[in-house]
Amino acid sequence: MEFDDDRVDVGGVDDRRGMGLGTGGLAIGGGAGVIGVVIYLVMTFLGGDPGGGGFTQLGAGSASSTGKQESRQELSDRCNSDGALDQYTDCRLIKVYDIADTTWEDEFSQRGLDYHAPTLVFFDDAVSTGCGQASSAVGPFYCPAGEEIYLDLDFLDQLQEEYGAEGEFAQAYILAHEYGHHLQTLLGTEQQVRQAQQSNPEAENEYSVAMELQADCYAGVWSKLADQAKSGIDLTQANIAEAQKAAQAVGDDRIQSRSGGEVDQDSWTHGSAEQRKKWFTTGYSAGDIDQCDTFSSMGL
């Protein structure tokens, strides 16, 4: 995975590492991104580990591993130093976020749609959000209330070490999936799904699966569009394979098997390993968000 330029813009980043749990309002809703569920939750449901494994301390390449919170200028200086994108995971993810912003702004403009970027929030241990309080155990997540993507870098280490999803583009896929949830908010999909779930509670999990698979598809579309852009990211088939493997690694059936429980399709909220790989691949092959109608494909 190579970037067309090395400049990193940290303007869209809210770095809360080293701050501890925030003091926001009562948690009434939220999302748990890749291994959690982007649905409204009560506070007591947050903090469990859907992936079945513990989280370790932040590793090398993360600013908060020193226990010192960086200023935005310090973060910018570090991420724009020589070799930063190779050395620092957070800087590389900010660059992916920058490219996603440019890619989707261009795409929405061509479609005559309003667009604005989400905020990328780095945190460690726990965080208070517009969707409630969350521990790092929920993994990466998107909060529609604040239009923010939350990342604890520990999850990326866990993805590689415990789930076997290695490679820098596997990490990029995680961020691109969460960005896909932001698109669903902008397009009105998120609100429509919540209303449908309330009207038809028996199909709540099916709607959740369709929503997650669509975010996977959007991640694939972004991969194609960014690869084709003049100032984006240069990908190889090996990179796409990394994303496909990461998508499979966080399939509901894989997670249930790893946790030692029974594989129960009725309880799925994100889709199987093969479904997740399929829809990422569909998006990448098409390069078109119109091909990401996972709801119709599931009869919803």
Protein backbone atom coordinates (compact mmCIF):
# COMPACT_ATOMS: atom_id res chain seq x y z
CA MET A 1 0.00 0.00 0.00
CA GLU A 2 1.55 3.26 -1.17
CA PHE A 3 0.26 6.81 -0.84
CA ASP A 4 0.46 9.28 -3.70
CA ASP A 5 1.73 11.97 -1.33
CA ASP A 6 2.98 11.97 2.24
CA ARG A 7 1.22 15.07 3.56
CA VAL A 8 -1.07 14.35 6.53
CA ASP A 9 -3.87 16.75 7.50
CA VAL A 10 -4.83 16.27 11.16
CA GLY A 11 -7.59 18.90 11.07
CA GLY A 12 -10.35 16.31 11.31
CA VAL A 13 -8.82 14.45 14.25
CA ASP A 14 -9.87 14.62 17.90
CA ASP A 15 -7.10 12.90 19.85
CA ARG A 16 -8.39 11.94 23.30
CA ARG A 17 -5.68 9.45 24.18
CA GLY A 18 -4.33 9.92 27.64
CA MET A 19 -7.38 11.90 28.75
CA GLY A 20 -9.31 9.11 30.48
CA LEU A 21 -13.10 8.74 30.30
CA GLY A 22 -14.88 11.89 29.27
CA THR A 23 -17.70 13.56 31.14
CA GLY A 24 -20.43 13.49 28.53
CA GLY A 25 -24.10 12.84 29.10
CA LEU A 26 -25.91 9.63 29.93
CA ALA A 27 -25.30 6.88 27.40
CA ILE A 28 -28.45 5.99 25.51
CA GLY A 29 -27.14 4.81 22.20
CA GLY A 30 -24.10 3.97 20.18
CA GLY A 31 -22.35 1.67 17.86
CA ALA A 32 -19.58 -0.85 18.06
CA GLY A 33 -18.24 -0.73 14.57
CA VAL A 34 -16.63 -3.86 13.28
CA ILE A 35 -17.11 -6.39 16.06
CA GLY A 36 -19.85 -4.62 17.92
CA VAL A 37 -23.17 -3.43 16.55
CA VAL A 38 -24.10 0.00 15.26
CA ILE A 39 -27.48 0.03 16.99
CA TYR A 40 -28.88 1.97 19.87
CA LEU A 41 -27.77 0.47 23.16
CA VAL A 42 -28.38 1.16 26.81
CA MET A 43 -25.38 2.03 28.90
CA THR A 44 -25.14 -1.29 30.70
CA PHE A 45 -24.65 -3.16 27.43
CA LEU A 46 -21.45 -1.31 26.63
CA GLY A 47 -18.10 -2.51 27.83
CA GLY A 48 -18.40 -6.22 27.05
CA ASP A 49 -15.97 -7.88 24.69
CA PRO A 50 -17.91 -9.20 21.68
CA GLY A 51 -14.69 -10.55 20.22
CA GLY A 52 -14.03 -12.89 23.11
CA GLY A 53 -10.54 -11.59 23.83
CA GLY A 54 -8.88 -9.03 26.07
CA PHE A 55 -7.23 -5.84 24.93
CA THR A 56 -3.58 -5.08 25.55
CA GLN A 57 -1.82 -1.79 26.17
CA LEU A 58 -1.12 0.47 23.22
CA GLY A 59 1.91 -0.67 21.31
CA ALA A 60 4.78 1.08 19.62
CA GLY A 61 3.87 3.74 17.09
CA SER A 62 1.08 5.18 19.20
CA ALA A 63 1.53 8.60 20.76
CA SER A 64 -0.39 7.75 23.92
CA SER A 65 1.95 4.87 24.73
CA THR A 66 4.11 7.48 26.42
CA GLY A 67 1.26 8.59 28.66
CA LYS A 68 1.57 12.12 27.24
CA GLN A 69 -1.26 13.67 25.31
CA GLU A 70 -0.07 15.36 22.14
CA SER A 71 -1.30 18.74 21.00
CA ARG A 72 -2.72 18.94 17.50
CA GLN A 73 0.45 20.71 16.35
CA GLU A 74 2.62 17.99 17.86
CA LEU A 75 0.52 15.33 16.17
CA SER A 76 0.81 17.16 12.85
CA ASP A 77 4.56 17.59 13.20
CA ARG A 78 5.05 13.91 14.03
CA CYS A 79 2.78 12.67 11.24
CA ASN A 80 4.50 14.89 8.69
CA SER A 81 8.02 13.89 9.66
CA ASP A 82 10.12 11.70 7.38
CA GLY A 83 8.92 8.10 7.31
CA ALA A 84 5.95 8.77 9.61
CA LEU A 85 3.45 6.82 7.49
CA ASP A 86 5.65 3.74 7.71
CA GLN A 87 6.47 4.18 11.39
CA TYR A 88 3.25 5.33 13.07
CA THR A 89 -0.05 3.48 12.83
CA ASP A 90 -2.10 6.49 13.91
CA CYS A 91 -0.50 8.72 11.26
CA ARG A 92 -1.17 6.14 8.58
CA LEU A 93 -4.82 5.88 9.62
CA ILE A 94 -5.18 9.66 9.59
CA LYS A 95 -3.86 9.61 6.03
CA VAL A 96 -6.45 6.96 5.12
CA TYR A 97 -9.11 9.15 6.73
CA ASP A 98 -7.91 12.15 4.69
CA ILE A 99 -8.13 10.16 1.47
CA ALA A 100 -11.58 8.85 2.41
CA ASP A 101 -12.73 12.42 3.00
CA THR A 102 -11.46 13.58 -0.39
CA THR A 103 -12.83 10.50 -2.16
CA TRP A 104 -16.34 10.73 -0.73
CA GLU A 105 -16.52 14.52 -1.07
CA ASP A 106 -15.78 14.13 -4.79
CA GLU A 107 -18.25 11.27 -5.18
CA PHE A 108 -21.08 13.06 -3.38
CA SER A 109 -20.40 16.24 -5.37
CA GLN A 110 -20.70 14.33 -8.64
CA ARG A 111 -24.05 12.97 -7.44
CA GLY A 112 -25.30 16.38 -6.33
CA LEU A 113 -25.45 15.28 -2.70
CA ASP A 114 -24.54 17.21 0.43
CA TYR A 115 -21.44 15.96 2.19
CA HIS A 116 -19.40 16.70 5.27
CA ALA A 117 -16.70 14.63 6.95
CA PRO A 118 -17.01 12.80 10.25
CA THR A 119 -14.54 13.44 13.05
CA LEU A 120 -11.88 10.79 13.66
CA VAL A 121 -11.45 10.22 17.41
CA PHE A 122 -8.54 8.31 18.91
CA PHE A 123 -9.04 7.10 22.47
CA ASP A 124 -7.71 4.54 24.91
CA ASP A 125 -9.44 2.47 27.57
CA ALA A 126 -12.82 4.25 27.59
CA VAL A 127 -14.55 7.24 26.08
CA SER A 128 -17.72 9.29 26.49
CA THR A 129 -19.59 9.96 23.25
CA GLY A 130 -22.86 11.35 21.99
CA CYS A 131 -24.01 7.73 21.88
CA GLY A 132 -22.95 6.96 25.44
CA GLN A 133 -19.94 5.71 27.31
CA ALA A 134 -17.92 2.92 25.70
CA SER A 135 -14.89 0.89 26.69
CA SER A 136 -12.17 -0.04 24.24
CA ALA A 137 -13.52 -3.61 24.32
CA VAL A 138 -16.27 -2.72 21.87
CA GLY A 139 -13.68 -2.19 19.14
CA PRO A 140 -13.86 0.60 16.56
CA PHE A 141 -17.29 2.21 16.23
CA TYR A 142 -19.20 5.04 14.64
CA CYS A 143 -21.54 7.29 16.62
CA PRO A 144 -24.24 8.79 14.39
CA ALA A 145 -25.30 11.27 17.08
CA GLY A 146 -21.93 13.02 16.95
CA GLU A 147 -20.94 11.84 13.47
CA GLU A 148 -17.68 10.54 14.87
CA ILE A 149 -15.51 7.49 14.19
CA TYR A 150 -13.87 6.10 17.34
CA LEU A 151 -10.67 4.05 17.27
CA ASP A 152 -8.62 2.49 20.04
CA LEU A 153 -5.44 1.29 18.32
CA ASP A 154 -5.28 -1.76 20.56
CA PHE A 155 -7.97 -3.36 18.41
CA LEU A 156 -5.72 -3.24 15.37
CA ASP A 157 -3.07 -5.20 17.28
CA GLN A 158 -5.74 -7.70 18.33
CA LEU A 159 -6.99 -7.99 14.75
CA GLN A 160 -3.53 -9.05 13.66
CA GLU A 161 -2.41 -11.12 16.63
CA GLU A 162 -5.63 -12.94 17.53
CA TYR A 163 -7.67 -12.87 14.33
CA GLY A 164 -4.83 -13.30 11.88
CA ALA A 165 -5.82 -10.30 9.76
CA GLU A 166 -2.42 -8.88 8.95
CA GLY A 167 -1.35 -5.99 6.77
CA GLU A 168 -1.67 -2.23 6.67
CA PHE A 169 -4.64 -2.35 4.32
CA ALA A 170 -6.48 -4.60 6.76
CA GLN A 171 -6.30 -1.63 9.12
CA ALA A 172 -7.44 0.72 6.37
CA TYR A 173 -10.46 -1.53 5.76
CA ILE A 174 -11.50 -1.15 9.40
CA LEU A 175 -11.51 2.64 9.10
CA ALA A 176 -13.19 2.54 5.69
CA HIS A 177 -15.97 0.34 7.12
CA GLU A 178 -16.65 2.88 9.87
CA TYR A 179 -16.60 5.66 7.28
CA GLY A 180 -19.25 3.65 5.44
CA HIS A 181 -21.53 4.07 8.46
CA HIS A 182 -21.07 7.83 8.16
CA LEU A 183 -22.25 7.64 4.56
CA GLN A 184 -25.35 5.81 5.79
CA THR A 185 -26.04 8.72 8.14
CA LEU A 186 -25.59 11.29 5.37
CA LEU A 187 -27.79 9.31 2.97
CA GLY A 188 -30.54 8.79 5.55
CA THR A 189 -30.10 5.03 5.62
CA GLU A 190 -29.27 4.88 9.31
CA GLN A 191 -32.48 6.64 10.34
CA GLN A 192 -34.59 4.52 7.99
CA VAL A 193 -33.11 1.32 9.40
CA ARG A 194 -33.82 2.39 12.99
CA GLN A 195 -37.42 3.12 12.08
CA ALA A 196 -37.74 -0.24 10.32
CA GLN A 197 -36.29 -2.05 13.33
CA GLN A 198 -38.76 -0.36 15.64
CA SER A 199 -41.66 -1.21 13.32
CA ASN A 200 -40.54 -4.81 12.86
CA PRO A 201 -38.55 -5.92 15.92
CA GLU A 202 -38.47 -9.54 14.73
CA ALA A 203 -36.27 -8.45 11.81
CA GLU A 204 -33.99 -6.24 13.91
CA ASN A 205 -30.92 -8.43 13.47
CA GLU A 206 -31.52 -8.85 9.75
CA TYR A 207 -31.58 -5.08 9.30
CA SER A 208 -28.40 -4.78 11.36
CA VAL A 209 -26.66 -7.39 9.20
CA ALA A 210 -27.74 -5.60 6.01
CA MET A 211 -26.46 -2.31 7.38
CA GLU A 212 -23.08 -3.76 8.32
CA LEU A 213 -22.67 -5.53 4.99
CA GLN A 214 -23.48 -2.29 3.20
CA ALA A 215 -20.71 -0.57 5.18
CA ASP A 216 -18.38 -3.35 4.02
CA CYS A 217 -19.50 -2.72 0.44
CA TYR A 218 -18.90 1.01 0.80
CA ALA A 219 -15.40 0.22 2.08
CA GLY A 220 -14.82 -1.75 -1.10
CA VAL A 221 -16.15 1.08 -3.27
CA TRP A 222 -13.81 3.51 -1.52
CA SER A 223 -10.88 1.17 -2.16
CA LYS A 224 -11.57 1.21 -5.91
CA LEU A 225 -12.25 4.96 -6.15
CA ALA A 226 -9.22 5.91 -4.04
CA ASP A 227 -6.99 3.59 -6.07
CA GLN A 228 -8.19 5.25 -9.28
CA ALA A 229 -7.74 8.82 -7.99
CA LYS A 230 -4.76 10.92 -8.97
CA SER A 231 -3.94 11.80 -5.37
CA GLY A 232 -5.09 8.80 -3.43
CA ILE A 233 -3.65 5.42 -2.64
CA ASP A 234 -1.93 2.81 -4.80
CA LEU A 235 -3.17 -0.70 -4.11
CA THR A 236 -2.10 -4.17 -5.13
CA GLN A 237 -4.13 -7.36 -5.23
CA ALA A 238 -2.26 -8.37 -2.10
CA ASN A 239 -3.70 -5.31 -0.36
CA ILE A 240 -7.23 -6.22 -1.42
CA ALA A 241 -6.63 -9.74 -0.12
CA GLU A 242 -5.63 -8.22 3.25
CA ALA A 243 -8.95 -6.39 3.45
CA GLN A 244 -10.90 -9.47 2.40
CA LYS A 245 -9.19 -11.53 5.09
CA ALA A 246 -9.92 -8.86 7.69
CA ALA A 247 -13.58 -8.79 6.66
CA GLN A 248 -13.76 -12.55 7.08
CA ALA A 249 -11.97 -12.42 10.42
CA VAL A 250 -14.73 -10.32 11.97
CA GLY A 251 -17.64 -12.34 10.60
CA ASP A 252 -20.17 -13.33 13.24
CA ASP A 253 -19.56 -17.04 12.69
CA ARG A 254 -15.79 -16.62 13.12
CA ILE A 255 -16.25 -14.59 16.30
CA GLN A 256 -18.74 -17.06 17.78
CA SER A 257 -16.43 -19.97 16.98
CA ARG A 258 -13.44 -18.19 18.55
CA SER A 259 -15.38 -17.47 21.72
CA GLY A 260 -16.20 -21.17 22.09
CA GLY A 261 -19.91 -20.70 21.67
CA GLU A 262 -22.37 -22.22 19.24
CA VAL A 263 -22.56 -20.68 15.78
CA ASP A 264 -26.08 -19.26 15.84
CA GLN A 265 -27.13 -17.49 12.65
CA ASP A 266 -30.27 -16.07 14.26
CA SER A 267 -28.11 -14.01 16.61
CA TRP A 268 -25.88 -12.52 13.91
CA THR A 269 -25.71 -8.75 13.67
CA HIS A 270 -22.86 -8.27 11.17
CA GLY A 271 -23.00 -11.23 8.81
CA SER A 272 -20.89 -14.28 8.20
CA ALA A 273 -17.25 -14.29 7.16
CA GLU A 274 -18.17 -15.11 3.59
CA GLN A 275 -20.92 -12.47 3.45
CA ARG A 276 -18.54 -9.79 4.65
CA LYS A 277 -15.87 -10.79 2.16
CA LYS A 278 -18.48 -10.97 -0.62
CA TRP A 279 -19.83 -7.47 -0.06
CA PHE A 280 -16.43 -5.84 0.32
CA THR A 281 -15.43 -7.53 -2.94
CA THR A 282 -18.69 -6.45 -4.61
CA GLY A 283 -17.98 -2.84 -3.71
CA TYR A 284 -14.39 -3.03 -4.89
CA SER A 285 -15.32 -4.67 -8.18
CA ALA A 286 -18.11 -2.19 -8.92
CA GLY A 287 -16.66 1.03 -7.57
CA ASP A 288 -20.26 2.20 -7.32
CA ILE A 289 -22.34 2.70 -4.16
CA ASP A 290 -25.49 1.94 -6.14
CA GLN A 291 -24.36 -1.69 -6.21
CA CYS A 292 -24.39 -1.87 -2.39
CA ASP A 293 -28.11 -2.50 -1.84
CA THR A 294 -27.68 -5.23 0.74
CA PHE A 295 -31.22 -4.67 2.01
CA SER A 296 -32.94 -5.76 -1.21
CA SER A 297 -30.58 -8.70 -1.50
CA MET A 298 -31.84 -9.90 1.90
CA GLY A 299 -35.48 -9.32 1.02
CA LEU A 300 -35.83 -6.30 3.34
